[in-house]
């Protein structure tokens, strides 16, 4: 009867996959750091590092780094793929209090 961690949908946003620059790749390699994908998210509230992202194909990632793009209404997210997927709860009903911050669990 142990409670299970589940992800709760906070937002559904448009995104585009990005290519990693050579500088970013080599900086990560030099720091023994690995990331799996970079996406640009449009018209969103600012997520925080450590939150989870579920793409439209069902793949789940954890946000490693959030970078706001100055002068544009978008954010670049550096993502690491999770090994064990979480169950995803339905979207938050309007009128309910949305969780503040945290990692969406």
PDB file of N, CA and C in Angstrom:
ATOM      1  N   UNK A   1       0.820  -1.202   0.000  1.00  0.00           N
ATOM      2  CA  UNK A   1       0.000   0.000   0.000  1.00  0.00           C
ATOM      3  C   UNK A   1       0.863   1.266   0.000  1.00  0.00           C
ATOM      4  N   UNK A   2       2.062   1.166  -0.551  1.00  0.00           N
ATOM      5  CA  UNK A   2       2.930   2.333  -0.638  1.00  0.00           C
ATOM      6  C   UNK A   2       2.402   3.288  -1.711  1.00  0.00           C
ATOM      7  N   UNK A   3       2.411   4.591  -1.441  1.00  0.00           N
ATOM      8  CA  UNK A   3       1.991   5.544  -2.472  1.00  0.00           C
ATOM      9  C   UNK A   3       2.984   5.539  -3.631  1.00  0.00           C
ATOM     10  N   UNK A   4       2.469   5.766  -4.839  1.00  0.00           N
ATOM     11  CA  UNK A   4       3.325   5.812  -6.024  1.00  0.00           C
ATOM     12  C   UNK A   4       3.505   7.256  -6.465  1.00  0.00           C
ATOM     13  N   UNK A   5       4.722   7.580  -6.891  1.00  0.00           N
ATOM     14  CA  UNK A   5       4.978   8.896  -7.464  1.00  0.00           C
ATOM     15  C   UNK A   5       4.377   8.945  -8.858  1.00  0.00           C
ATOM     16  N   UNK A   6       3.684  10.053  -9.161  1.00  0.00           N
ATOM     17  CA  UNK A   6       3.138  10.263 -10.497  1.00  0.00           C
ATOM     18  C   UNK A   6       3.423  11.688 -10.904  1.00  0.00           C
ATOM     19  N   UNK A   7       3.573  11.889 -12.193  1.00  0.00           N
ATOM     20  CA  UNK A   7       3.724  13.237 -12.725  1.00  0.00           C
ATOM     21  C   UNK A   7       2.345  13.829 -12.930  1.00  0.00           C
ATOM     22  N   UNK A   8       2.217  15.119 -12.659  1.00  0.00           N
ATOM     23  CA  UNK A   8       0.968  15.838 -12.870  1.00  0.00           C
ATOM     24  C   UNK A   8       1.195  16.848 -13.980  1.00  0.00           C
ATOM     25  N   UNK A   9       0.313  16.879 -14.948  1.00  0.00           N
ATOM     26  CA  UNK A   9       0.442  17.807 -16.072  1.00  0.00           C
ATOM     27  C   UNK A   9       0.171  19.225 -15.580  1.00  0.00           C
ATOM     28  N   UNK A  10       1.163  20.105 -15.726  1.00  0.00           N
ATOM     29  CA  UNK A  10       1.010  21.503 -15.341  1.00  0.00           C
ATOM     30  C   UNK A  10       0.690  22.365 -16.546  1.00  0.00           C
ATOM     31  N   UNK A  11       1.302  22.070 -17.691  1.00  0.00           N
ATOM     32  CA  UNK A  11       1.111  22.843 -18.914  1.00  0.00           C
ATOM     33  C   UNK A  11       1.301  21.938 -20.110  1.00  0.00           C
ATOM     34  N   UNK A  12       0.744  22.370 -21.217  1.00  0.00           N
ATOM     35  CA  UNK A  12       0.979  21.717 -22.494  1.00  0.00           C
ATOM     36  C   UNK A  12       1.417  22.816 -23.451  1.00  0.00           C
ATOM     37  N   UNK A  13       2.665  22.761 -23.906  1.00  0.00           N
ATOM     38  CA  UNK A  13       3.250  23.854 -24.680  1.00  0.00           C
ATOM     39  C   UNK A  13       3.808  23.368 -26.002  1.00  0.00           C
ATOM     40  N   UNK A  14       3.950  24.312 -26.934  1.00  0.00           N
ATOM     41  CA  UNK A  14       4.617  24.026 -28.198  1.00  0.00           C
ATOM     42  C   UNK A  14       6.123  24.019 -27.963  1.00  0.00           C
ATOM     43  N   UNK A  15       6.817  23.136 -28.675  1.00  0.00           N
ATOM     44  CA  UNK A  15       8.266  23.075 -28.541  1.00  0.00           C
ATOM     45  C   UNK A  15       8.873  22.708 -29.892  1.00  0.00           C
ATOM     46  N   UNK A  16      10.178  22.947 -30.008  1.00  0.00           N
ATOM     47  CA  UNK A  16      10.931  22.563 -31.200  1.00  0.00           C
ATOM     48  C   UNK A  16      12.267  21.989 -30.741  1.00  0.00           C
ATOM     49  N   UNK A  17      12.678  20.885 -31.358  1.00  0.00           N
ATOM     50  CA  UNK A  17      13.980  20.309 -31.036  1.00  0.00           C
ATOM     51  C   UNK A  17      15.066  21.220 -31.596  1.00  0.00           C
ATOM     52  N   UNK A  18      16.172  21.327 -30.873  1.00  0.00           N
ATOM     53  CA  UNK A  18      17.298  22.144 -31.297  1.00  0.00           C
ATOM     54  C   UNK A  18      18.545  21.294 -31.420  1.00  0.00           C
ATOM     55  N   UNK A  19      19.462  21.756 -32.220  1.00  0.00           N
ATOM     56  CA  UNK A  19      20.777  21.126 -32.315  1.00  0.00           C
ATOM     57  C   UNK A  19      21.671  21.734 -31.246  1.00  0.00           C
ATOM     58  N   UNK A  20      22.525  20.907 -30.687  1.00  0.00           N
ATOM     59  CA  UNK A  20      23.487  21.404 -29.706  1.00  0.00           C
ATOM     60  C   UNK A  20      24.687  21.969 -30.439  1.00  0.00           C
ATOM     61  N   UNK A  21      25.168  23.122 -29.979  1.00  0.00           N
ATOM     62  CA  UNK A  21      26.354  23.717 -30.586  1.00  0.00           C
ATOM     63  C   UNK A  21      27.584  22.923 -30.153  1.00  0.00           C
ATOM     64  N   UNK A  22      28.636  23.030 -30.932  1.00  0.00           N
ATOM     65  CA  UNK A  22      29.884  22.348 -30.567  1.00  0.00           C
ATOM     66  C   UNK A  22      30.410  22.836 -29.217  1.00  0.00           C
ATOM     67  N   UNK A  23      30.255  24.131 -28.949  1.00  0.00           N
ATOM     68  CA  UNK A  23      30.712  24.656 -27.653  1.00  0.00           C
ATOM     69  C   UNK A  23      29.997  23.969 -26.507  1.00  0.00           C
ATOM     70  N   UNK A  24      28.684  23.801 -26.639  1.00  0.00           N
ATOM     71  CA  UNK A  24      27.906  23.162 -25.573  1.00  0.00           C
ATOM     72  C   UNK A  24      28.292  21.693 -25.423  1.00  0.00           C
ATOM     73  N   UNK A  25      28.484  21.005 -26.533  1.00  0.00           N
ATOM     74  CA  UNK A  25      28.851  19.587 -26.489  1.00  0.00           C
ATOM     75  C   UNK A  25      30.204  19.398 -25.822  1.00  0.00           C
ATOM     76  N   UNK A  26      31.198  20.181 -26.248  1.00  0.00           N
ATOM     77  CA  UNK A  26      32.540  20.033 -25.677  1.00  0.00           C
ATOM     78  C   UNK A  26      32.607  20.498 -24.232  1.00  0.00           C
ATOM     79  N   UNK A  27      31.838  21.514 -23.865  1.00  0.00           N
ATOM     80  CA  UNK A  27      31.807  21.945 -22.468  1.00  0.00           C
ATOM     81  C   UNK A  27      31.226  20.837 -21.593  1.00  0.00           C
ATOM     82  N   UNK A  28      30.176  20.186 -22.071  1.00  0.00           N
ATOM     83  CA  UNK A  28      29.572  19.081 -21.316  1.00  0.00           C
ATOM     84  C   UNK A  28      30.549  17.920 -21.200  1.00  0.00           C
ATOM     85  N   UNK A  29      31.244  17.593 -22.296  1.00  0.00           N
ATOM     86  CA  UNK A  29      32.202  16.486 -22.268  1.00  0.00           C
ATOM     87  C   UNK A  29      33.342  16.795 -21.302  1.00  0.00           C
ATOM     88  N   UNK A  30      33.792  18.044 -21.287  1.00  0.00           N
ATOM     89  CA  UNK A  30      34.888  18.437 -20.401  1.00  0.00           C
ATOM     90  C   UNK A  30      34.507  18.350 -18.933  1.00  0.00           C
ATOM     91  N   UNK A  31      33.232  18.488 -18.641  1.00  0.00           N
ATOM     92  CA  UNK A  31      32.761  18.426 -17.260  1.00  0.00           C
ATOM     93  C   UNK A  31      32.202  17.040 -16.926  1.00  0.00           C
ATOM     94  N   UNK A  32      32.443  16.062 -17.804  1.00  0.00           N
ATOM     95  CA  UNK A  32      31.897  14.711 -17.626  1.00  0.00           C
ATOM     96  C   UNK A  32      30.388  14.742 -17.404  1.00  0.00           C
ATOM     97  N   UNK A  33      29.727  15.557 -18.195  1.00  0.00           N
ATOM     98  CA  UNK A  33      28.285  15.743 -18.076  1.00  0.00           C
ATOM     99  C   UNK A  33      27.626  15.282 -19.372  1.00  0.00           C
ATOM    100  N   UNK A  34      26.437  14.697 -19.262  1.00  0.00           N
ATOM    101  CA  UNK A  34      25.744  14.190 -20.439  1.00  0.00           C
ATOM    102  C   UNK A  34      24.344  14.775 -20.488  1.00  0.00           C
ATOM    103  N   UNK A  35      23.920  15.176 -21.670  1.00  0.00           N
ATOM    104  CA  UNK A  35      22.526  15.559 -21.877  1.00  0.00           C
ATOM    105  C   UNK A  35      22.051  14.870 -23.140  1.00  0.00           C
ATOM    106  N   UNK A  36      20.757  14.695 -23.250  1.00  0.00           N
ATOM    107  CA  UNK A  36      20.206  13.923 -24.360  1.00  0.00           C
ATOM    108  C   UNK A  36      19.523  14.763 -25.417  1.00  0.00           C
ATOM    109  N   UNK A  37      18.989  15.909 -25.049  1.00  0.00           N
ATOM    110  CA  UNK A  37      18.230  16.693 -26.017  1.00  0.00           C
ATOM    111  C   UNK A  37      18.125  18.133 -25.542  1.00  0.00           C
ATOM    112  N   UNK A  38      17.972  19.026 -26.512  1.00  0.00           N
ATOM    113  CA  UNK A  38      17.682  20.423 -26.223  1.00  0.00           C
ATOM    114  C   UNK A  38      16.398  20.759 -26.965  1.00  0.00           C
ATOM    115  N   UNK A  39      15.459  21.379 -26.257  1.00  0.00           N
ATOM    116  CA  UNK A  39      14.224  21.828 -26.901  1.00  0.00           C
ATOM    117  C   UNK A  39      14.006  23.290 -26.577  1.00  0.00           C
ATOM    118  N   UNK A  40      13.357  23.990 -27.494  1.00  0.00           N
ATOM    119  CA  UNK A  40      12.940  25.371 -27.268  1.00  0.00           C
ATOM    120  C   UNK A  40      11.442  25.346 -27.046  1.00  0.00           C
ATOM    121  N   UNK A  41      11.011  25.877 -25.907  1.00  0.00           N
ATOM    122  CA  UNK A  41       9.596  25.892 -25.531  1.00  0.00           C
ATOM    123  C   UNK A  41       9.080  27.316 -25.682  1.00  0.00           C
ATOM    124  N   UNK A  42       7.920  27.438 -26.306  1.00  0.00           N
ATOM    125  CA  UNK A  42       7.356  28.748 -26.617  1.00  0.00           C
ATOM    126  C   UNK A  42       6.190  29.074 -25.691  1.00  0.00           C
ATOM    127  N   UNK A  43       6.077  30.360 -25.318  1.00  0.00           N
ATOM    128  CA  UNK A  43       4.943  30.881 -24.553  1.00  0.00           C
ATOM    129  C   UNK A  43       4.642  30.044 -23.319  1.00  0.00           C
ATOM    130  N   UNK A  44       5.589  29.922 -22.450  1.00  0.00           N
ATOM    131  CA  UNK A  44       5.410  29.089 -21.254  1.00  0.00           C
ATOM    132  C   UNK A  44       5.811  29.857 -20.012  1.00  0.00           C
ATOM    133  N   UNK A  45       5.304  29.405 -18.880  1.00  0.00           N
ATOM    134  CA  UNK A  45       5.812  29.932 -17.623  1.00  0.00           C
ATOM    135  C   UNK A  45       7.185  29.295 -17.406  1.00  0.00           C
ATOM    136  N   UNK A  46       7.980  29.890 -16.583  1.00  0.00           N
ATOM    137  CA  UNK A  46       9.346  29.413 -16.410  1.00  0.00           C
ATOM    138  C   UNK A  46       9.374  28.125 -15.606  1.00  0.00           C
ATOM    139  N   UNK A  47       9.799  27.022 -16.231  1.00  0.00           N
ATOM    140  CA  UNK A  47       9.976  25.786 -15.460  1.00  0.00           C
ATOM    141  C   UNK A  47      11.245  25.896 -14.631  1.00  0.00           C
ATOM    142  N   UNK A  48      11.462  24.927 -13.761  1.00  0.00           N
ATOM    143  CA  UNK A  48      12.668  24.936 -12.941  1.00  0.00           C
ATOM    144  C   UNK A  48      13.489  23.686 -13.210  1.00  0.00           C
ATOM    145  N   UNK A  49      14.768  23.789 -12.942  1.00  0.00           N
ATOM    146  CA  UNK A  49      15.642  22.631 -13.081  1.00  0.00           C
ATOM    147  C   UNK A  49      15.104  21.500 -12.207  1.00  0.00           C
ATOM    148  N   UNK A  50      15.140  20.281 -12.719  1.00  0.00           N
ATOM    149  CA  UNK A  50      14.681  19.132 -11.957  1.00  0.00           C
ATOM    150  C   UNK A  50      13.256  18.726 -12.254  1.00  0.00           C
ATOM    151  N   UNK A  51      12.476  19.609 -12.903  1.00  0.00           N
ATOM    152  CA  UNK A  51      11.116  19.238 -13.274  1.00  0.00           C
ATOM    153  C   UNK A  51      11.179  18.218 -14.400  1.00  0.00           C
ATOM    154  N   UNK A  52      10.063  17.596 -14.706  1.00  0.00           N
ATOM    155  CA  UNK A  52      10.006  16.582 -15.743  1.00  0.00           C
ATOM    156  C   UNK A  52       9.232  17.079 -16.950  1.00  0.00           C
ATOM    157  N   UNK A  53       9.598  16.555 -18.118  1.00  0.00           N
ATOM    158  CA  UNK A  53       8.956  16.894 -19.383  1.00  0.00           C
ATOM    159  C   UNK A  53       8.531  15.593 -20.042  1.00  0.00           C
ATOM    160  N   UNK A  54       7.299  15.558 -20.532  1.00  0.00           N
ATOM    161  CA  UNK A  54       6.817  14.414 -21.301  1.00  0.00           C
ATOM    162  C   UNK A  54       6.511  14.935 -22.699  1.00  0.00           C
ATOM    163  N   UNK A  55       7.249  14.431 -23.694  1.00  0.00           N
ATOM    164  CA  UNK A  55       7.045  14.875 -25.069  1.00  0.00           C
ATOM    165  C   UNK A  55       5.815  14.207 -25.670  1.00  0.00           C
ATOM    166  N   UNK A  56       5.387  14.706 -26.829  1.00  0.00           N
ATOM    167  CA  UNK A  56       4.169  14.186 -27.446  1.00  0.00           C
ATOM    168  C   UNK A  56       4.276  12.716 -27.842  1.00  0.00           C
ATOM    169  N   UNK A  57       5.487  12.179 -27.961  1.00  0.00           N
ATOM    170  CA  UNK A  57       5.639  10.750 -28.280  1.00  0.00           C
ATOM    171  C   UNK A  57       5.691   9.884 -27.022  1.00  0.00           C
ATOM    172  N   UNK A  58       5.565  10.514 -25.836  1.00  0.00           N
ATOM    173  CA  UNK A  58       5.545   9.780 -24.571  1.00  0.00           C
ATOM    174  C   UNK A  58       6.892   9.675 -23.880  1.00  0.00           C
ATOM    175  N   UNK A  59       7.982  10.075 -24.543  1.00  0.00           N
ATOM    176  CA  UNK A  59       9.300  10.026 -23.907  1.00  0.00           C
ATOM    177  C   UNK A  59       9.351  11.003 -22.738  1.00  0.00           C
ATOM    178  N   UNK A  60      10.008  10.587 -21.659  1.00  0.00           N
ATOM    179  CA  UNK A  60      10.101  11.419 -20.464  1.00  0.00           C
ATOM    180  C   UNK A  60      11.551  11.841 -20.236  1.00  0.00           C
ATOM    181  N   UNK A  61      11.725  13.108 -19.877  1.00  0.00           N
ATOM    182  CA  UNK A  61      13.032  13.692 -19.621  1.00  0.00           C
ATOM    183  C   UNK A  61      12.968  14.519 -18.351  1.00  0.00           C
ATOM    184  N   UNK A  62      14.132  14.699 -17.723  1.00  0.00           N
ATOM    185  CA  UNK A  62      14.233  15.615 -16.601  1.00  0.00           C
ATOM    186  C   UNK A  62      14.979  16.855 -17.072  1.00  0.00           C
ATOM    187  N   UNK A  63      14.507  18.021 -16.639  1.00  0.00           N
ATOM    188  CA  UNK A  63      15.144  19.281 -17.042  1.00  0.00           C
ATOM    189  C   UNK A  63      16.448  19.431 -16.282  1.00  0.00           C
ATOM    190  N   UNK A  64      17.527  19.591 -17.035  1.00  0.00           N
ATOM    191  CA  UNK A  64      18.850  19.780 -16.454  1.00  0.00           C
ATOM    192  C   UNK A  64      19.140  21.269 -16.304  1.00  0.00           C
ATOM    193  N   UNK A  65      18.892  22.046 -17.370  1.00  0.00           N
ATOM    194  CA  UNK A  65      19.172  23.479 -17.360  1.00  0.00           C
ATOM    195  C   UNK A  65      18.058  24.208 -18.108  1.00  0.00           C
ATOM    196  N   UNK A  66      17.569  25.314 -17.529  1.00  0.00           N
ATOM    197  CA  UNK A  66      16.609  26.204 -18.193  1.00  0.00           C
ATOM    198  C   UNK A  66      17.347  27.483 -18.570  1.00  0.00           C
ATOM    199  N   UNK A  67      17.220  27.896 -19.827  1.00  0.00           N
ATOM    200  CA  UNK A  67      17.866  29.130 -20.273  1.00  0.00           C
ATOM    201  C   UNK A  67      16.827  30.006 -20.948  1.00  0.00           C
ATOM    202  N   UNK A  68      16.517  31.157 -20.318  1.00  0.00           N
ATOM    203  CA  UNK A  68      15.581  32.087 -20.929  1.00  0.00           C
ATOM    204  C   UNK A  68      16.283  32.791 -22.085  1.00  0.00           C
ATOM    205  N   UNK A  69      15.567  32.955 -23.188  1.00  0.00           N
ATOM    206  CA  UNK A  69      16.102  33.640 -24.364  1.00  0.00           C
ATOM    207  C   UNK A  69      15.689  35.099 -24.273  1.00  0.00           C
ATOM    208  N   UNK A  70      16.654  35.997 -24.125  1.00  0.00           N
ATOM    209  CA  UNK A  70      16.385  37.415 -23.949  1.00  0.00           C
ATOM    210  C   UNK A  70      15.748  37.976 -25.211  1.00  0.00           C
ATOM    211  N   UNK A  71      14.674  38.726 -25.047  1.00  0.00           N
ATOM    212  CA  UNK A  71      14.008  39.376 -26.170  1.00  0.00           C
ATOM    213  C   UNK A  71      13.034  38.491 -26.921  1.00  0.00           C
ATOM    214  N   UNK A  72      12.892  37.243 -26.515  1.00  0.00           N
ATOM    215  CA  UNK A  72      11.956  36.334 -27.166  1.00  0.00           C
ATOM    216  C   UNK A  72      11.096  35.679 -26.095  1.00  0.00           C
ATOM    217  N   UNK A  73       9.938  35.213 -26.485  1.00  0.00           N
ATOM    218  CA  UNK A  73       9.033  34.569 -25.535  1.00  0.00           C
ATOM    219  C   UNK A  73       9.240  33.061 -25.577  1.00  0.00           C
ATOM    220  N   UNK A  74      10.472  32.631 -25.235  1.00  0.00           N
ATOM    221  CA  UNK A  74      10.777  31.203 -25.267  1.00  0.00           C
ATOM    222  C   UNK A  74      11.907  30.882 -24.291  1.00  0.00           C
ATOM    223  N   UNK A  75      12.041  29.588 -24.026  1.00  0.00           N
ATOM    224  CA  UNK A  75      13.056  29.084 -23.100  1.00  0.00           C
ATOM    225  C   UNK A  75      13.685  27.853 -23.725  1.00  0.00           C
ATOM    226  N   UNK A  76      15.014  27.738 -23.646  1.00  0.00           N
ATOM    227  CA  UNK A  76      15.702  26.518 -24.063  1.00  0.00           C
ATOM    228  C   UNK A  76      15.865  25.616 -22.845  1.00  0.00           C
ATOM    229  N   UNK A  77      15.491  24.344 -23.014  1.00  0.00           N
ATOM    230  CA  UNK A  77      15.614  23.364 -21.947  1.00  0.00           C
ATOM    231  C   UNK A  77      16.623  22.300 -22.356  1.00  0.00           C
ATOM    232  N   UNK A  78      17.620  22.070 -21.537  1.00  0.00           N
ATOM    233  CA  UNK A  78      18.559  20.974 -21.729  1.00  0.00           C
ATOM    234  C   UNK A  78      18.011  19.798 -20.935  1.00  0.00           C
ATOM    235  N   UNK A  79      17.802  18.665 -21.621  1.00  0.00           N
ATOM    236  CA  UNK A  79      17.083  17.542 -21.030  1.00  0.00           C
ATOM    237  C   UNK A  79      17.941  16.291 -20.917  1.00  0.00           C
ATOM    238  N   UNK A  80      17.696  15.538 -19.838  1.00  0.00           N
ATOM    239  CA  UNK A  80      18.304  14.217 -19.655  1.00  0.00           C
ATOM    240  C   UNK A  80      17.174  13.192 -19.634  1.00  0.00           C
ATOM    241  N   UNK A  81      17.320  12.120 -20.425  1.00  0.00           N
ATOM    242  CA  UNK A  81      16.296  11.082 -20.485  1.00  0.00           C
ATOM    243  C   UNK A  81      16.257  10.317 -19.174  1.00  0.00           C
ATOM    244  N   UNK A  82      15.046  10.036 -18.688  1.00  0.00           N
ATOM    245  CA  UNK A  82      14.906   9.255 -17.460  1.00  0.00           C
ATOM    246  C   UNK A  82      14.889   7.776 -17.816  1.00  0.00           C
ATOM    247  N   UNK A  83      15.421   6.962 -16.928  1.00  0.00           N
ATOM    248  CA  UNK A  83      15.474   5.524 -17.191  1.00  0.00           C
ATOM    249  C   UNK A  83      14.167   4.840 -16.841  1.00  0.00           C
ATOM    250  N   UNK A  84      13.568   5.216 -15.720  1.00  0.00           N
ATOM    251  CA  UNK A  84      12.306   4.628 -15.286  1.00  0.00           C
ATOM    252  C   UNK A  84      11.208   5.659 -15.460  1.00  0.00           C
ATOM    253  N   UNK A  85      10.224   5.344 -16.303  1.00  0.00           N
ATOM    254  CA  UNK A  85       9.134   6.279 -16.562  1.00  0.00           C
ATOM    255  C   UNK A  85       8.156   6.308 -15.396  1.00  0.00           C
ATOM    256  N   UNK A  86       7.593   7.481 -15.152  1.00  0.00           N
ATOM    257  CA  UNK A  86       6.557   7.666 -14.155  1.00  0.00           C
ATOM    258  C   UNK A  86       5.194   7.548 -14.824  1.00  0.00           C
ATOM    259  N   UNK A  87       4.175   7.180 -14.036  1.00  0.00           N
ATOM    260  CA  UNK A  87       2.805   7.287 -14.508  1.00  0.00           C
ATOM    261  C   UNK A  87       2.480   8.766 -14.579  1.00  0.00           C
ATOM    262  N   UNK A  88       1.637   9.140 -15.531  1.00  0.00           N
ATOM    263  CA  UNK A  88       1.266  10.535 -15.699  1.00  0.00           C
ATOM    264  C   UNK A  88      -0.206  10.691 -15.355  1.00  0.00           C
ATOM    265  N   UNK A  89      -0.493  11.549 -14.359  1.00  0.00           N
ATOM    266  CA  UNK A  89      -1.871  11.839 -13.979  1.00  0.00           C
ATOM    267  C   UNK A  89      -2.445  12.821 -14.986  1.00  0.00           C
ATOM    268  N   UNK A  90      -3.751  12.917 -15.045  1.00  0.00           N
ATOM    269  CA  UNK A  90      -4.407  13.839 -15.965  1.00  0.00           C
ATOM    270  C   UNK A  90      -4.089  15.278 -15.631  1.00  0.00           C
ATOM    271  N   UNK A  91      -4.524  16.190 -16.486  1.00  0.00           N
ATOM    272  CA  UNK A  91      -4.256  17.610 -16.242  1.00  0.00           C
ATOM    273  C   UNK A  91      -4.975  18.096 -14.991  1.00  0.00           C
ATOM    274  N   UNK A  92      -4.450  19.143 -14.409  1.00  0.00           N
ATOM    275  CA  UNK A  92      -5.061  19.741 -13.230  1.00  0.00           C
ATOM    276  C   UNK A  92      -6.367  20.394 -13.656  1.00  0.00           C
ATOM    277  N   UNK A  93      -7.436  20.107 -12.940  1.00  0.00           N
ATOM    278  CA  UNK A  93      -8.741  20.700 -13.246  1.00  0.00           C
ATOM    279  C   UNK A  93      -8.715  22.177 -12.898  1.00  0.00           C
ATOM    280  N   UNK A  94      -9.408  22.989 -13.698  1.00  0.00           N
ATOM    281  CA  UNK A  94      -9.466  24.423 -13.378  1.00  0.00           C
ATOM    282  C   UNK A  94     -10.180  24.580 -12.046  1.00  0.00           C
ATOM    283  N   UNK A  95      -9.685  25.508 -11.250  1.00  0.00           N
ATOM    284  CA  UNK A  95     -10.261  25.716  -9.929  1.00  0.00           C
ATOM    285  C   UNK A  95      -9.438  25.039  -8.831  1.00  0.00           C
ATOM    286  N   UNK A  96      -8.700  23.985  -9.170  1.00  0.00           N
ATOM    287  CA  UNK A  96      -7.824  23.373  -8.176  1.00  0.00           C
ATOM    288  C   UNK A  96      -6.570  24.204  -8.051  1.00  0.00           C
ATOM    289  N   UNK A  97      -5.934  24.119  -6.921  1.00  0.00           N
ATOM    290  CA  UNK A  97      -4.671  24.818  -6.745  1.00  0.00           C
ATOM    291  C   UNK A  97      -3.594  24.051  -7.471  1.00  0.00           C
ATOM    292  N   UNK A  98      -2.798  24.775  -8.255  1.00  0.00           N
ATOM    293  CA  UNK A  98      -1.703  24.115  -8.946  1.00  0.00           C
ATOM    294  C   UNK A  98      -0.525  24.001  -7.997  1.00  0.00           C
ATOM    295  N   UNK A  99       0.258  22.924  -8.117  1.00  0.00           N
ATOM    296  CA  UNK A  99       1.439  22.794  -7.260  1.00  0.00           C
ATOM    297  C   UNK A  99       2.400  23.937  -7.508  1.00  0.00           C
ATOM    298  N   UNK A 100       3.018  24.431  -6.476  1.00  0.00           N
ATOM    299  CA  UNK A 100       3.968  25.522  -6.658  1.00  0.00           C
ATOM    300  C   UNK A 100       5.365  24.933  -6.708  1.00  0.00           C
ATOM    301  N   UNK A 101       6.018  25.130  -7.853  1.00  0.00           N
ATOM    302  CA  UNK A 101       7.390  24.661  -8.005  1.00  0.00           C
ATOM    303  C   UNK A 101       7.482  23.154  -7.938  1.00  0.00           C
ATOM    304  N   UNK A 102       8.590  22.657  -7.382  1.00  0.00           N
ATOM    305  CA  UNK A 102       8.776  21.217  -7.237  1.00  0.00           C
ATOM    306  C   UNK A 102       9.089  20.556  -8.547  1.00  0.00           C
ATOM    307  N   UNK A 103       9.067  19.238  -8.532  1.00  0.00           N
ATOM    308  CA  UNK A 103       9.450  18.511  -9.723  1.00  0.00           C
ATOM    309  C   UNK A 103       8.262  17.821 -10.380  1.00  0.00           C
ATOM    310  N   UNK A 104       7.053  18.220 -10.045  1.00  0.00           N
ATOM    311  CA  UNK A 104       5.895  17.668 -10.715  1.00  0.00           C
ATOM    312  C   UNK A 104       5.462  16.322 -10.188  1.00  0.00           C
ATOM    313  N   UNK A 105       6.066  15.825  -9.129  1.00  0.00           N
ATOM    314  CA  UNK A 105       5.689  14.531  -8.573  1.00  0.00           C
ATOM    315  C   UNK A 105       4.593  14.712  -7.545  1.00  0.00           C
TER     316      UNK A 105
END
